[in-house]
Protein backbone atom coordinates (compact mmCIF):
# COMPACT_ATOMS: atom_id res chain seq x y z
CA MET A 1 23.53 -21.03 -22.46
CA ARG A 2 22.92 -19.12 -19.24
CA THR A 3 20.60 -16.13 -19.42
CA LEU A 4 20.81 -12.92 -17.38
CA SER A 5 18.05 -14.10 -15.08
CA ASP A 6 20.19 -17.13 -14.22
CA MET A 7 23.14 -15.05 -12.99
CA THR A 8 22.51 -15.66 -9.30
CA THR A 9 25.71 -17.28 -8.02
CA VAL A 10 28.90 -15.22 -7.95
CA ALA A 11 32.32 -16.68 -7.18
CA LEU A 12 35.08 -14.33 -6.11
CA ALA A 13 38.52 -15.76 -6.93
CA ALA A 14 41.04 -15.14 -4.15
CA THR A 15 44.70 -16.15 -4.05
CA ASP A 16 47.86 -14.73 -2.54
CA GLY A 17 48.85 -11.53 -4.30
CA MET A 18 45.43 -10.09 -4.99
CA LEU A 19 44.49 -6.47 -4.31
CA GLN A 20 42.19 -6.05 -1.33
CA PHE A 21 40.44 -2.93 -2.65
CA GLU A 22 38.96 -4.59 -5.75
CA LEU A 23 38.13 -7.74 -3.80
CA ALA A 24 36.28 -5.66 -1.21
CA ILE A 25 34.31 -3.84 -3.93
CA ALA A 26 33.01 -7.11 -5.34
CA GLN A 27 32.19 -8.37 -1.85
CA GLU A 28 30.23 -5.20 -1.07
CA VAL A 29 28.24 -5.15 -4.32
CA PHE A 30 27.43 -8.84 -4.68
CA GLY A 31 27.69 -10.01 -1.09
CA SER A 32 25.53 -7.42 0.69
CA PRO A 33 21.77 -8.10 0.30
CA LEU A 34 19.70 -5.24 -1.06
CA PRO A 35 16.98 -4.35 1.48
CA GLY A 36 13.48 -4.85 0.11
CA PHE A 37 14.62 -6.54 -3.08
CA GLY A 38 14.21 -10.18 -2.10
CA SER A 39 16.62 -12.73 -3.51
CA TRP A 40 20.07 -11.27 -4.12
CA TYR A 41 23.28 -12.84 -5.41
CA GLU A 42 24.75 -15.84 -3.65
CA LEU A 43 28.42 -14.91 -3.21
CA SER A 44 31.24 -17.28 -2.31
CA VAL A 45 34.98 -16.68 -2.02
CA CYS A 46 37.01 -19.39 -3.74
CA GLY A 47 40.71 -20.07 -3.31
CA PRO A 48 43.35 -22.04 -1.45
CA ALA A 49 43.17 -21.47 2.30
CA PRO A 50 44.34 -19.32 3.93
CA VAL A 51 44.90 -16.48 1.44
CA LYS A 52 46.94 -13.35 2.10
CA VAL A 53 45.25 -10.37 0.46
CA GLY A 54 47.23 -7.22 1.09
CA ARG A 55 47.60 -7.00 4.87
CA PHE A 56 44.64 -9.28 5.50
CA LEU A 57 44.35 -13.02 5.92
CA LEU A 58 41.28 -14.42 4.20
CA GLU A 59 39.63 -17.81 4.69
CA PRO A 60 37.86 -18.82 1.42
CA ASP A 61 34.53 -20.64 1.44
CA HIS A 62 35.58 -23.13 -1.25
CA GLY A 63 38.53 -24.19 -3.37
CA LEU A 64 39.25 -22.78 -6.81
CA ASP A 65 37.51 -25.74 -8.45
CA ARG A 66 34.20 -24.22 -7.25
CA LEU A 67 34.60 -21.39 -9.80
CA ALA A 68 33.32 -23.74 -12.51
CA ARG A 69 29.98 -24.05 -10.71
CA ALA A 70 29.31 -20.29 -10.56
CA ASP A 71 27.22 -18.21 -12.95
CA THR A 72 29.61 -15.26 -12.65
CA VAL A 73 33.29 -15.31 -11.71
CA ILE A 74 35.02 -12.14 -10.49
CA VAL A 75 38.83 -11.94 -10.66
CA PRO A 76 40.15 -9.01 -8.56
CA GLY A 77 43.31 -7.08 -9.31
CA TRP A 78 46.68 -8.84 -9.39
CA ALA A 79 49.17 -6.92 -7.22
CA ASP A 80 52.46 -7.69 -9.00
CA ILE A 81 52.05 -7.92 -12.76
CA ASP A 82 55.71 -8.92 -13.10
CA ILE A 83 54.87 -12.25 -11.47
CA ASP A 84 52.85 -14.77 -13.46
CA PRO A 85 49.51 -15.57 -11.82
CA PRO A 86 49.33 -19.06 -10.26
CA ALA A 87 48.69 -21.85 -12.75
CA ASP A 88 45.87 -23.28 -10.63
CA LEU A 89 44.08 -19.92 -10.69
CA VAL A 90 44.53 -19.55 -14.45
CA ASP A 91 43.28 -23.10 -15.05
CA ALA A 92 40.28 -22.62 -12.77
CA VAL A 93 39.25 -19.37 -14.49
CA ARG A 94 39.57 -21.00 -17.90
CA ALA A 95 37.53 -24.01 -16.76
CA ALA A 96 34.81 -21.74 -15.37
CA HIS A 97 34.48 -19.93 -18.68
CA GLU A 98 34.39 -23.20 -20.59
CA ALA A 99 31.62 -24.34 -18.23
CA GLY A 100 29.55 -21.31 -19.26
CA ALA A 101 30.35 -18.77 -16.55
CA ARG A 102 30.47 -15.06 -17.20
CA VAL A 103 34.00 -13.98 -16.19
CA ALA A 104 34.88 -10.42 -15.17
CA SER A 105 38.26 -9.02 -14.15
CA LEU A 106 38.79 -5.94 -12.03
CA CYS A 107 41.84 -3.76 -12.64
CA THR A 108 44.93 -5.94 -13.24
CA GLY A 109 42.87 -9.09 -12.92
CA ALA A 110 42.90 -8.79 -16.71
CA PHE A 111 46.37 -10.35 -16.63
CA VAL A 112 44.82 -13.53 -15.21
CA LEU A 113 42.16 -13.61 -17.93
CA ALA A 114 44.80 -12.99 -20.58
CA ALA A 115 46.95 -15.83 -19.22
CA ALA A 116 43.91 -18.09 -19.45
CA GLY A 117 43.46 -17.13 -23.13
CA LEU A 118 40.05 -15.57 -22.52
CA LEU A 119 41.07 -12.22 -24.00
CA ASP A 120 42.62 -13.49 -27.23
CA GLY A 121 40.96 -11.72 -30.14
CA ARG A 122 38.87 -9.62 -27.77
CA ARG A 123 38.93 -5.97 -26.78
CA ALA A 124 39.94 -5.51 -23.15
CA THR A 125 41.23 -2.96 -20.68
CA THR A 126 43.08 -2.73 -17.38
CA HIS A 127 44.57 0.02 -15.21
CA TRP A 128 45.94 2.72 -17.53
CA ALA A 129 49.41 2.39 -16.00
CA HIS A 130 49.65 -1.25 -17.15
CA THR A 131 47.93 -1.28 -20.55
CA ASP A 132 51.24 -1.20 -22.44
CA VAL A 133 52.51 -4.20 -20.49
CA LEU A 134 49.31 -6.15 -21.09
CA SER A 135 49.48 -5.38 -24.81
CA ALA A 136 53.16 -6.35 -25.11
CA ARG A 137 52.80 -9.56 -23.10
CA HIS A 138 49.58 -10.67 -24.83
CA PRO A 139 49.69 -9.40 -28.43
CA LEU A 140 46.48 -11.24 -29.38
CA VAL A 141 44.52 -9.00 -27.01
CA GLU A 142 43.09 -5.73 -28.35
CA VAL A 143 43.96 -3.52 -25.39
CA ASP A 144 41.98 -0.28 -25.07
CA PRO A 145 43.72 2.07 -22.59
CA ASP A 146 41.05 4.77 -22.79
CA VAL A 147 37.91 3.20 -21.33
CA LEU A 148 36.53 2.36 -17.89
CA TYR A 149 35.42 -1.15 -18.77
CA VAL A 150 34.75 -3.45 -21.72
CA ASP A 151 31.79 -5.83 -21.97
CA ASN A 152 32.28 -8.69 -24.42
CA GLY A 153 29.26 -10.60 -23.14
CA SER A 154 30.79 -13.59 -21.37
CA VAL A 155 34.11 -11.83 -20.72
CA LEU A 156 34.40 -8.39 -19.13
CA THR A 157 37.37 -6.30 -18.00
CA SER A 158 37.63 -3.07 -16.05
CA ALA A 159 40.21 -0.36 -15.60
CA GLY A 160 41.70 0.33 -12.19
CA LYS A 161 40.31 1.15 -8.76
CA ALA A 162 37.03 3.11 -9.05
CA ALA A 163 36.37 1.61 -12.49
CA ALA A 164 36.02 -1.75 -10.75
CA MET A 165 32.94 -0.35 -9.02
CA ASP A 166 31.62 0.85 -12.38
CA LEU A 167 31.92 -2.65 -13.84
CA CYS A 168 30.28 -4.29 -10.82
CA LEU A 169 27.34 -1.88 -11.06
CA HIS A 170 27.22 -2.54 -14.80
CA LEU A 171 26.80 -6.26 -14.07
CA VAL A 172 23.98 -5.52 -11.62
CA ARG A 173 22.36 -3.29 -14.23
CA ALA A 174 22.63 -6.04 -16.86
CA ASP A 175 21.11 -8.60 -14.49
CA HIS A 176 18.44 -6.57 -12.70
CA GLY A 177 17.95 -3.30 -14.55
CA SER A 178 18.86 0.34 -14.09
CA ALA A 179 16.58 1.04 -11.11
CA VAL A 180 18.14 -1.73 -9.01
CA ALA A 181 21.69 -0.70 -9.97
CA ASN A 182 20.88 2.90 -9.05
CA THR A 183 19.59 1.74 -5.66
CA VAL A 184 22.83 -0.17 -5.03
CA ALA A 185 24.86 2.89 -6.05
CA ARG A 186 22.81 5.11 -3.76
CA ARG A 187 23.45 2.72 -0.84
CA LEU A 188 27.18 2.82 -1.59
CA VAL A 189 27.14 6.62 -2.12
CA VAL A 190 28.75 6.40 -5.56
CA PRO A 191 27.71 7.73 -8.99
CA PRO A 192 24.96 5.46 -10.36
CA HIS A 193 26.36 5.10 -13.85
CA ARG A 194 29.50 5.86 -15.76
CA ALA A 195 29.47 4.42 -19.27
CA GLY A 196 32.18 1.90 -20.10
CA GLY A 197 33.42 4.04 -22.96
CA GLN A 198 34.18 6.97 -20.67
CA ALA A 199 37.85 7.87 -20.44
CA GLN A 200 39.85 6.36 -17.56
CA PHE A 201 41.76 9.45 -16.50
CA VAL A 202 39.01 12.00 -15.92
CA THR A 203 39.54 14.95 -13.60
CA ALA A 204 35.93 15.17 -12.38
CA PRO A 205 33.64 12.37 -13.65
CA VAL A 206 30.58 13.75 -11.85
CA PRO A 207 31.18 17.44 -11.14
CA GLU A 208 29.19 18.45 -8.09
CA GLN A 209 31.02 21.45 -6.68
CA ASP A 210 29.15 24.72 -7.06
CA ASP A 211 32.07 26.51 -8.74
CA HIS A 212 32.59 23.84 -11.42
CA PRO A 213 31.73 25.16 -14.92
CA LEU A 214 29.21 22.33 -15.33
CA GLY A 215 28.11 22.20 -11.69
CA GLY A 216 24.79 23.94 -12.33
CA LEU A 217 24.32 22.78 -15.91
CA LEU A 218 24.07 19.02 -15.47
CA PRO A 219 21.18 19.14 -12.94
CA TRP A 220 19.48 21.71 -15.17
CA ILE A 221 19.69 19.29 -18.10
CA THR A 222 18.38 16.28 -16.18
CA GLU A 223 15.35 18.30 -15.11
CA ARG A 224 14.56 19.06 -18.78
CA LEU A 225 15.11 15.74 -20.55
CA ASP A 226 11.62 15.98 -22.05
CA ARG A 227 12.71 19.01 -24.09
CA PRO A 228 14.54 19.11 -27.46
CA LEU A 229 17.76 20.59 -26.08
CA THR A 230 20.61 21.58 -28.39
CA VAL A 231 24.29 22.24 -27.74
CA GLU A 232 23.53 25.93 -28.22
CA ASP A 233 20.86 25.72 -25.49
CA LEU A 234 23.33 24.14 -23.10
CA ALA A 235 26.09 26.63 -23.92
CA ARG A 236 23.70 29.55 -23.48
CA HIS A 237 22.60 28.33 -20.04
CA ALA A 238 26.24 27.73 -19.02
CA ASN A 239 27.15 31.19 -20.33
CA MET A 240 29.98 29.90 -22.51
CA SER A 241 30.68 29.18 -26.15
CA SER A 242 29.82 25.82 -27.69
CA ARG A 243 33.54 25.11 -28.09
CA ASN A 244 34.28 25.78 -24.41
CA LEU A 245 31.26 23.70 -23.43
CA ALA A 246 32.56 20.74 -25.45
CA ARG A 247 35.99 21.09 -23.85
CA HIS A 248 34.58 21.14 -20.30
CA PHE A 249 32.32 18.17 -21.07
CA ARG A 250 35.22 16.14 -22.44
CA THR A 251 37.32 16.90 -19.35
CA ALA A 252 34.53 16.21 -16.85
CA THR A 253 32.68 13.29 -18.43
CA GLY A 254 34.95 11.89 -21.12
CA THR A 255 32.34 12.43 -23.83
CA THR A 256 30.55 15.11 -25.85
CA PRO A 257 27.53 17.16 -24.69
CA LEU A 258 25.15 15.44 -27.12
CA ARG A 259 26.40 11.96 -26.28
CA TRP A 260 26.04 12.68 -22.56
CA LEU A 261 22.54 14.06 -23.15
CA LEU A 262 21.55 10.99 -25.15
CA ASN A 263 22.85 8.70 -22.40
CA GLN A 264 20.73 10.57 -19.83
CA ARG A 265 17.65 10.21 -22.04
CA ILE A 266 18.27 6.48 -22.40
CA ARG A 267 18.78 6.09 -18.64
CA ARG A 268 15.52 7.93 -17.96
CA ALA A 269 13.76 5.69 -20.49
CA GLN A 270 15.13 2.61 -18.73
CA GLU A 271 13.80 3.79 -15.38
CA LEU A 272 10.36 4.58 -16.84
CA LEU A 273 10.20 1.18 -18.56
CA GLU A 274 11.04 -0.51 -15.27
CA ARG A 275 8.84 1.52 -12.93
CA THR A 276 5.78 2.59 -14.95
CA GLU A 277 3.15 1.23 -17.32
CA ASP A 278 3.60 4.16 -19.71
CA SER A 279 3.57 3.31 -23.40
CA VAL A 280 6.72 3.63 -25.48
CA ASP A 281 5.14 6.69 -27.14
CA LEU A 282 4.67 8.42 -23.78
CA ILE A 283 8.18 7.51 -22.68
CA ALA A 284 9.56 8.88 -25.95
CA GLU A 285 7.86 12.21 -25.16
CA ALA A 286 9.01 12.19 -21.52
CA THR A 287 12.63 11.63 -22.52
CA GLY A 288 12.76 14.14 -25.35
CA MET A 289 13.09 11.50 -28.06
CA GLY A 290 9.98 12.80 -29.84
CA THR A 291 8.68 9.59 -31.37
CA ALA A 292 8.58 5.92 -30.41
CA ALA A 293 10.56 5.09 -33.55
CA THR A 294 13.41 7.40 -32.51
CA LEU A 295 13.43 6.00 -28.99
CA ARG A 296 13.46 2.42 -30.25
CA ARG A 297 16.35 3.13 -32.62
CA HIS A 298 18.57 4.81 -30.02
CA PHE A 299 17.54 2.45 -27.22
CA ASN A 300 18.30 -0.66 -29.25
CA ARG A 301 21.65 0.77 -30.38
CA THR A 302 22.69 1.76 -26.83
CA VAL A 303 21.20 -0.98 -24.65
CA GLY A 304 21.23 -3.81 -27.16
CA VAL A 305 17.54 -4.75 -26.95
CA PRO A 306 14.26 -3.02 -27.92
CA PRO A 307 12.36 -1.10 -25.20
CA ASP A 308 9.58 -3.70 -25.01
CA SER A 309 12.04 -6.56 -24.50
CA TYR A 310 13.86 -4.52 -21.85
CA ARG A 311 10.61 -3.91 -19.98
CA ARG A 312 9.67 -7.59 -19.99
CA THR A 313 13.09 -8.52 -18.62
CA PHE A 314 13.54 -5.83 -16.00
CA ARG A 315 10.04 -4.82 -14.95
CA THR A 316 10.31 -3.83 -11.30
CA ALA A 317 7.42 -4.87 -9.10
CA LYS A 318 5.83 -1.92 -7.28
CA GLY A 319 7.25 -1.49 -3.83
CA SER A 320 10.16 -3.85 -4.42
CA LEU A 321 12.76 -1.11 -4.13
CA PRO A 322 13.42 1.42 -1.41
């Protein structure tokens, strides 16, 4: 069984008919070294040569059989879902998963994973415009049309376009921690984290404009994560009712005010665990959790491991990040 620390080689599947946008996202995230970090992912493009991707002609590094030797396999979007993906691609993706690779699809790449049987009995997503087709064509798949991405451990799927970036950053976060993923996001000038459960069709995922109803509230909250904020506190600062606040939050972030606040507290705790030597008790105070027991309960439920285990796995050496 491969562990997260082993996820160093990434194979990007490329065949005729793939979408260049999702392929380019994976190339940018996993193929561009992070300055000051040291060893980054070793990315290779695998497919029959040459490959026509959109308007571009791509020369892969290896054949599709090389997918089985990778730690992580990325399957970009499939342009025409009415055409079955090539059998050699489907077989290679299935073989890679059987060999122990973590397999992730971006956008309509989920149709390739479904054809390989990797999504049977699993929850999955794809671009919202094609979720009905995926569900009808592969009835054993539990298709969720309302999320940005789904992480089943060894099999992951994302919704369309920008959600592909969210899933790629999620993989970096799983492998290297929140601080590293945030640094990658900052380099790419994209939001550092959108939770997988966030709705796909969101008008303004990260409202930044001054005239947005939440434009001044969200920075105000993040500067006060050490305080016991309530929905009433947030509504009062935003000068609106609690009901209107909940409506604006749902439209802008796809979640509730308290869930968003909890996610920010957990993210801050992750960064402090990675970057400082502070005790769990001090981090609980700094993130507004109150007690170490409360932090441990919410952290374990959200992240999947206790704070101490997270720190041991993702402790960032001082000066290793820009």
